[in-house]
Amino acid sequence: MNLPTPKKSEEEKKTEKEKIEERREEVLKSGRKFKYPLQYSKHKLVIITIAVAIIALIGSVIAGYVLLYKTQSTSDVLYRLTKVLPISVAKVDGESVRFSDYLMVYKSSVLPIEEQSGSFGEGEDAESRRNYYKRSALNEAEDYAYAQKIAREQNISVDTADIDASFDEHRKVGGTELSTESFLRIVKDNFGLSEDEYRYLLKLSLLKRNVSAAIDTTAKSTTEEIKKFLASNNDDFKKAREQFDSRAEYEETGGLVGSGNVDGGRALKALTLGKDQVSEPFISLNGDGYYIVKCTEKSGNDVSYVSLFIPFKEFDSQMKSLRESGKIQEYINISTE
């Protein structure tokens, strides 16, 4: 009697290869239980890190805003930050005023005072003095911004040679020609400026000077009138003073002064002239107008002279007009009380 062959189970029908594959899949499946949670943890960690970074960035921006615009901090850290980031402290006729320019002018103005008489201290009087220098620094920075706007529109520039010449003139102020290293040490100690910062300030002041001269056609024409008047009146400066009293300022030394006299460059110019010789009109070292100088006496490096000064007024007039018409927007509030 033939007994029926028992049916094989599904498991028994599988080949050894299939069994190995199934076993492999079971092992991998068990491993995924540990792998996937780890992946999820990494993903969550990345999200948390990004969130913390964003919160820190927002916090830094808020802190920077409060320090710059609310408490008006003038710390070195914020100054270095504003040199890197194009942060504005004001806007003049659409031209941004860089916060770094304002802080640089303020710090270079205040440091000599603090070196001589110590810190401003605390109290209303100290705050009032700080605000005075802040106001002056902001006005100067706004002037520079407006000068840059006009210079760009009228293709007015300052080249490296102009900056070098001005730098050398400043080294000679005081009657002694200092070496570059000695001069820069004085600049650093007294004004807290590096060479690059000092040259940058020179560039801004020279640009404002060039712009002031270019737009002030009245000062230019008055200077030409005075020049012709002197030529036809035996270089009589006192007579010219009477003729142009409302448009030119007369001054005389009353005696010999040194070549280092702080007078806008008049003593240095007079030393290049012979006795009773008259200079061509030249722009003051301060960049605020034209001088015409007559040498009256010379003795070595000392000289006496008479001069006529024709001030630039158009630039200041335009700035005043912009301020009155609301075209100067300031992002900090400086109390002037």
Protein backbone atom coordinates (compact mmCIF):
# COMPACT_ATOMS: atom_id res chain seq x y z
CA MET A 1 0.00 0.00 0.00
CA ASN A 2 1.46 3.27 -1.04
CA LEU A 3 1.17 5.96 1.50
CA PRO A 4 0.67 9.50 0.20
CA THR A 5 3.74 11.70 0.29
CA PRO A 6 3.27 14.42 2.91
CA LYS A 7 3.21 17.93 1.53
CA LYS A 8 6.22 20.09 2.30
CA SER A 9 5.64 23.29 4.23
CA GLU A 10 6.37 26.61 2.58
CA GLU A 11 9.45 26.91 4.70
CA GLU A 12 10.77 23.56 3.55
CA LYS A 13 10.23 24.49 -0.11
CA LYS A 14 12.59 27.45 0.15
CA THR A 15 16.06 26.99 -1.12
CA GLU A 16 19.05 27.68 1.04
CA LYS A 17 19.71 30.91 -0.90
CA GLU A 18 16.18 32.17 -0.21
CA LYS A 19 16.54 31.35 3.47
CA ILE A 20 19.83 33.27 3.62
CA GLU A 21 18.23 36.29 1.92
CA GLU A 22 15.33 36.24 4.38
CA ARG A 23 17.70 36.02 7.30
CA ARG A 24 19.74 38.92 5.89
CA GLU A 25 16.61 41.06 5.55
CA GLU A 26 15.65 40.29 9.16
CA VAL A 27 19.07 41.40 10.39
CA LEU A 28 18.90 44.61 8.33
CA LYS A 29 15.40 45.29 9.57
CA SER A 30 16.56 44.93 13.15
CA GLY A 31 19.44 47.37 12.42
CA ARG A 32 17.09 49.99 11.01
CA LYS A 33 15.40 50.23 14.39
CA PHE A 34 18.64 51.77 15.67
CA LYS A 35 19.67 53.62 12.49
CA TYR A 36 16.52 55.64 11.79
CA PRO A 37 16.13 57.11 15.28
CA LEU A 38 19.76 58.28 15.00
CA GLN A 39 19.00 59.95 11.65
CA TYR A 40 15.97 61.63 13.13
CA SER A 41 18.12 62.88 16.03
CA LYS A 42 20.70 64.38 13.64
CA HIS A 43 17.97 66.08 11.64
CA LYS A 44 16.50 67.52 14.82
CA LEU A 45 19.96 68.68 15.95
CA VAL A 46 20.50 70.54 12.66
CA ILE A 47 17.13 72.27 13.01
CA ILE A 48 17.90 73.27 16.61
CA THR A 49 21.37 74.58 15.62
CA ILE A 50 19.93 76.69 12.81
CA ALA A 51 17.19 78.01 15.09
CA VAL A 52 19.74 78.97 17.78
CA ALA A 53 21.91 80.69 15.17
CA ILE A 54 18.95 82.68 13.84
CA ILE A 55 17.90 83.67 17.36
CA ALA A 56 21.49 84.71 18.17
CA LEU A 57 21.66 86.76 14.95
CA ILE A 58 18.36 88.47 15.69
CA GLY A 59 19.53 89.13 19.24
CA SER A 60 22.79 90.62 17.97
CA VAL A 61 20.94 92.84 15.50
CA ILE A 62 18.58 94.06 18.22
CA ALA A 63 21.47 94.65 20.63
CA GLY A 64 23.44 96.49 17.94
CA TYR A 65 20.41 98.62 17.08
CA VAL A 66 19.86 99.55 20.72
CA LEU A 67 23.54 100.35 21.31
CA LEU A 68 23.93 102.41 18.13
CA TYR A 69 20.62 104.19 17.79
CA LYS A 70 19.18 104.29 21.31
CA THR A 71 22.02 104.43 23.83
CA GLN A 72 24.35 105.92 21.17
CA SER A 73 27.38 103.94 22.26
CA THR A 74 30.69 105.04 20.73
CA SER A 75 32.71 101.96 21.71
CA ASP A 76 35.64 100.72 19.63
CA VAL A 77 33.85 97.41 19.02
CA LEU A 78 30.86 99.15 17.43
CA TYR A 79 33.15 101.44 15.45
CA ARG A 80 34.98 98.43 13.97
CA LEU A 81 31.61 96.79 13.26
CA THR A 82 30.31 99.84 11.38
CA LYS A 83 33.49 99.96 9.32
CA VAL A 84 32.64 96.51 7.98
CA LEU A 85 28.87 96.88 7.69
CA PRO A 86 27.32 99.74 5.63
CA ILE A 87 25.21 101.05 8.53
CA SER A 88 23.77 104.55 8.15
CA VAL A 89 23.47 107.18 10.87
CA ALA A 90 21.66 109.68 8.63
CA LYS A 91 20.70 110.47 5.05
CA VAL A 92 21.42 113.73 3.18
CA ASP A 93 19.36 114.36 0.05
CA GLY A 94 19.20 110.60 -0.52
CA GLU A 95 22.91 110.02 0.26
CA SER A 96 23.62 107.70 3.18
CA VAL A 97 25.89 108.96 5.96
CA ARG A 98 28.05 106.09 7.17
CA PHE A 99 27.95 105.43 10.91
CA SER A 100 31.68 104.70 10.80
CA ASP A 101 32.42 108.20 9.42
CA TYR A 102 30.43 109.80 12.23
CA LEU A 103 32.12 107.69 14.92
CA MET A 104 35.59 108.27 13.45
CA VAL A 105 35.14 112.06 13.46
CA TYR A 106 33.65 111.98 16.98
CA LYS A 107 36.40 109.81 18.46
CA SER A 108 39.19 111.85 16.83
CA SER A 109 37.62 115.05 18.23
CA VAL A 110 37.07 113.78 21.75
CA LEU A 111 40.31 111.87 22.34
CA PRO A 112 42.59 114.96 22.51
CA ILE A 113 40.27 116.53 25.09
CA GLU A 114 40.15 113.36 27.17
CA GLU A 115 43.95 113.06 26.97
CA GLN A 116 44.39 116.60 28.29
CA SER A 117 41.64 116.86 30.89
CA GLY A 118 40.54 113.28 31.45
CA SER A 119 37.16 111.69 30.82
CA PHE A 120 34.05 113.82 30.55
CA GLY A 121 32.80 112.05 33.65
CA GLU A 122 29.14 111.79 34.58
CA GLY A 123 26.28 114.18 35.12
CA GLU A 124 24.33 116.63 32.99
CA ASP A 125 27.32 118.86 32.23
CA ALA A 126 29.39 115.91 30.99
CA GLU A 127 26.49 114.65 28.88
CA SER A 128 26.02 118.12 27.43
CA ARG A 129 29.68 118.28 26.41
CA ARG A 130 29.53 114.82 24.83
CA ASN A 131 26.42 115.82 22.88
CA TYR A 132 28.15 118.96 21.65
CA TYR A 133 30.93 116.90 20.07
CA LYS A 134 28.46 114.33 18.78
CA ARG A 135 26.48 117.09 17.08
CA SER A 136 29.63 118.56 15.53
CA ALA A 137 30.79 115.12 14.36
CA LEU A 138 27.41 114.29 12.81
CA ASN A 139 27.30 117.65 11.01
CA GLU A 140 30.78 117.00 9.62
CA ALA A 141 29.90 113.47 8.51
CA GLU A 142 26.77 114.82 6.80
CA ASP A 143 28.89 117.42 5.01
CA TYR A 144 31.20 114.68 3.74
CA ALA A 145 28.27 112.58 2.53
CA TYR A 146 26.76 115.50 0.61
CA ALA A 147 30.17 116.36 -0.84
CA GLN A 148 30.50 112.78 -2.10
CA LYS A 149 27.07 113.01 -3.72
CA ILE A 150 27.94 116.22 -5.59
CA ALA A 151 31.39 114.92 -6.49
CA ARG A 152 29.86 111.84 -8.06
CA GLU A 153 27.32 113.91 -9.99
CA GLN A 154 29.88 116.45 -11.24
CA ASN A 155 32.78 114.06 -11.73
CA ILE A 156 34.95 115.71 -9.05
CA SER A 157 37.63 113.56 -7.50
CA VAL A 158 40.69 113.47 -5.26
CA ASP A 159 43.68 111.46 -6.40
CA THR A 160 46.42 109.83 -4.36
CA ALA A 161 48.89 112.60 -5.18
CA ASP A 162 46.56 115.19 -3.60
CA ILE A 163 46.27 113.10 -0.44
CA ASP A 164 50.05 112.59 -0.27
CA ALA A 165 50.67 116.33 -0.69
CA SER A 166 48.17 117.18 2.06
CA PHE A 167 49.69 114.51 4.31
CA ASP A 168 53.15 116.05 3.83
CA GLU A 169 51.81 119.55 4.54
CA HIS A 170 50.36 118.32 7.83
CA ARG A 171 53.70 116.79 8.77
CA LYS A 172 55.28 120.27 8.48
CA VAL A 173 52.69 122.14 10.55
CA GLY A 174 54.26 123.60 13.68
CA GLY A 175 57.54 124.62 12.08
CA THR A 176 59.16 121.16 12.22
CA GLU A 177 59.06 118.58 9.47
CA LEU A 178 58.38 115.31 11.24
CA SER A 179 59.20 111.89 9.83
CA THR A 180 56.24 109.83 8.68
CA GLU A 181 56.70 107.43 11.59
CA SER A 182 56.84 110.22 14.19
CA PHE A 183 53.88 112.02 12.69
CA LEU A 184 51.75 108.85 12.60
CA ARG A 185 52.66 108.15 16.22
CA ILE A 186 51.35 111.60 17.17
CA VAL A 187 48.21 111.00 15.11
CA LYS A 188 47.64 107.68 16.85
CA ASP A 189 48.33 108.97 20.36
CA ASN A 190 46.37 112.20 20.03
CA PHE A 191 43.54 111.29 17.69
CA GLY A 192 43.38 107.50 17.87
CA LEU A 193 43.65 107.19 14.09
CA SER A 194 45.65 104.73 12.02
CA GLU A 195 47.43 105.88 8.86
CA ASP A 196 44.61 104.54 6.67
CA GLU A 197 42.00 106.32 8.77
CA TYR A 198 43.93 109.59 8.72
CA ARG A 199 44.38 109.43 4.96
CA TYR A 200 40.69 108.63 4.58
CA LEU A 201 39.79 111.74 6.58
CA LEU A 202 42.16 113.76 4.40
CA LYS A 203 40.42 112.40 1.32
CA LEU A 204 37.00 113.40 2.64
CA SER A 205 38.14 116.91 3.58
CA LEU A 206 39.89 117.41 0.23
CA LEU A 207 36.81 116.20 -1.61
CA LYS A 208 34.64 118.67 0.30
CA ARG A 209 37.17 121.42 -0.49
CA ASN A 210 37.13 120.62 -4.20
CA VAL A 211 33.34 120.47 -4.27
CA SER A 212 33.04 123.75 -2.36
CA ALA A 213 35.34 125.47 -4.83
CA ALA A 214 33.55 123.98 -7.83
CA ILE A 215 30.03 125.01 -6.84
CA ASP A 216 30.87 128.43 -5.38
CA THR A 217 30.97 130.54 -8.52
CA THR A 218 30.43 133.70 -6.45
CA ALA A 219 33.61 133.18 -4.44
CA LYS A 220 35.50 132.45 -7.64
CA SER A 221 34.27 135.59 -9.42
CA THR A 222 34.91 137.75 -6.32
CA THR A 223 38.46 136.43 -6.13
CA GLU A 224 39.06 137.34 -9.78
CA GLU A 225 37.64 140.83 -9.18
CA ILE A 226 39.94 141.38 -6.20
CA LYS A 227 42.94 140.11 -8.15
CA LYS A 228 42.27 142.65 -10.94
CA PHE A 229 41.58 145.43 -8.43
CA LEU A 230 44.92 144.85 -6.66
CA ALA A 231 46.79 144.81 -9.98
CA SER A 232 45.38 148.21 -10.90
CA ASN A 233 45.80 149.74 -7.41
CA ASN A 234 49.45 149.03 -6.57
CA ASP A 235 48.53 145.92 -4.56
CA ASP A 236 46.91 148.06 -1.89
CA PHE A 237 45.21 145.50 0.36
CA LYS A 238 43.67 148.10 2.68
CA LYS A 239 42.04 149.79 -0.27
CA ALA A 240 40.78 146.41 -1.45
CA ARG A 241 39.33 145.82 2.02
CA GLU A 242 37.27 148.99 1.69
CA GLN A 243 36.16 148.08 -1.82
CA PHE A 244 35.18 144.48 -1.00
CA ASP A 245 34.34 144.89 2.68
CA SER A 246 31.22 142.68 2.63
CA ARG A 247 32.77 139.98 0.47
CA ALA A 248 36.35 139.64 1.70
CA GLU A 249 38.06 139.58 5.10
CA TYR A 250 41.27 141.54 5.65
CA GLU A 251 43.96 140.46 8.10
CA GLU A 252 47.56 141.35 8.87
CA THR A 253 50.06 139.70 11.19
CA GLY A 254 51.31 142.89 12.86
CA GLY A 255 54.75 141.34 13.11
CA LEU A 256 56.83 138.34 12.15
CA VAL A 257 55.37 134.84 12.52
CA GLY A 258 56.99 131.46 12.06
CA SER A 259 56.58 129.19 9.08
CA GLY A 260 54.60 126.82 11.28
CA ASN A 261 51.97 129.42 12.12
CA VAL A 262 48.52 127.81 12.03
CA ASP A 263 46.88 130.18 9.58
CA GLY A 264 45.53 128.09 6.73
CA GLY A 265 48.87 128.09 4.90
CA ARG A 266 49.38 131.83 4.60
CA ALA A 267 52.78 131.97 6.32
CA LEU A 268 54.10 129.15 4.17
CA LYS A 269 52.82 130.88 1.04
CA ALA A 270 54.26 134.26 2.09
CA LEU A 271 57.68 132.65 2.59
CA THR A 272 57.73 131.72 -1.09
CA LEU A 273 57.27 135.38 -2.06
CA GLY A 274 59.63 138.30 -2.25
CA LYS A 275 59.01 141.42 -0.16
CA ASP A 276 55.83 143.24 -1.33
CA GLN A 277 55.08 140.42 -3.78
CA VAL A 278 51.48 139.18 -4.01
CA SER A 279 50.48 135.54 -4.37
CA GLU A 280 48.04 134.04 -6.78
CA PRO A 281 44.75 133.10 -5.12
CA PHE A 282 44.97 129.74 -3.35
CA ILE A 283 42.61 127.61 -1.33
CA SER A 284 43.08 127.59 2.42
CA LEU A 285 44.49 124.44 3.99
CA ASN A 286 41.21 124.35 5.90
CA GLY A 287 39.36 124.21 2.58
CA ASP A 288 37.00 127.01 3.57
CA GLY A 289 37.86 129.67 0.99
CA TYR A 290 40.45 131.51 -1.10
CA TYR A 291 43.42 133.50 0.24
CA ILE A 292 45.42 136.21 -1.47
CA VAL A 293 48.62 137.02 0.46
CA LYS A 294 51.16 139.83 0.27
CA CYS A 295 54.57 139.40 1.91
CA THR A 296 55.53 142.55 3.84
CA GLU A 297 58.72 141.38 5.56
CA LYS A 298 60.94 138.30 5.74
CA SER A 299 63.63 137.21 8.16
CA GLY A 300 64.91 133.67 7.82
CA ASN A 301 61.93 131.34 8.36
CA ASP A 302 59.82 134.16 9.80
CA VAL A 303 57.52 136.38 7.79
CA SER A 304 54.89 139.06 8.11
CA TYR A 305 52.04 139.47 5.66
CA VAL A 306 48.65 140.95 4.90
CA SER A 307 45.89 138.84 3.42
CA LEU A 308 42.39 138.86 2.00
CA PHE A 309 40.08 135.91 2.56
CA ILE A 310 37.13 135.10 0.31
CA PRO A 311 35.07 132.41 2.08
CA PHE A 312 33.14 129.60 0.43
CA LYS A 313 29.46 130.05 1.28
CA GLU A 314 27.54 128.05 -1.29
CA PHE A 315 28.15 124.61 0.23
CA ASP A 316 26.99 125.70 3.68
CA SER A 317 24.03 127.48 2.11
CA GLN A 318 22.95 124.30 0.33
CA MET A 319 23.32 122.25 3.51
CA LYS A 320 21.22 124.77 5.43
CA SER A 321 18.55 124.64 2.72
CA LEU A 322 18.49 120.83 2.82
CA ARG A 323 18.11 120.85 6.59
CA GLU A 324 15.30 123.41 6.54
CA SER A 325 13.44 121.52 3.81
CA GLY A 326 13.60 118.23 5.69
CA LYS A 327 15.99 116.54 3.25
CA ILE A 328 18.38 115.59 6.02
CA GLN A 329 17.12 112.59 7.99
CA GLU A 330 18.97 111.61 11.16
CA TYR A 331 18.54 108.21 12.80
CA ILE A 332 19.88 109.24 16.19
CA ASN A 333 18.56 111.99 18.43
CA ILE A 334 21.30 114.21 19.86
CA SER A 335 20.07 116.56 22.55
CA THR A 336 21.55 120.04 22.23
CA GLU A 337 20.07 121.45 25.43
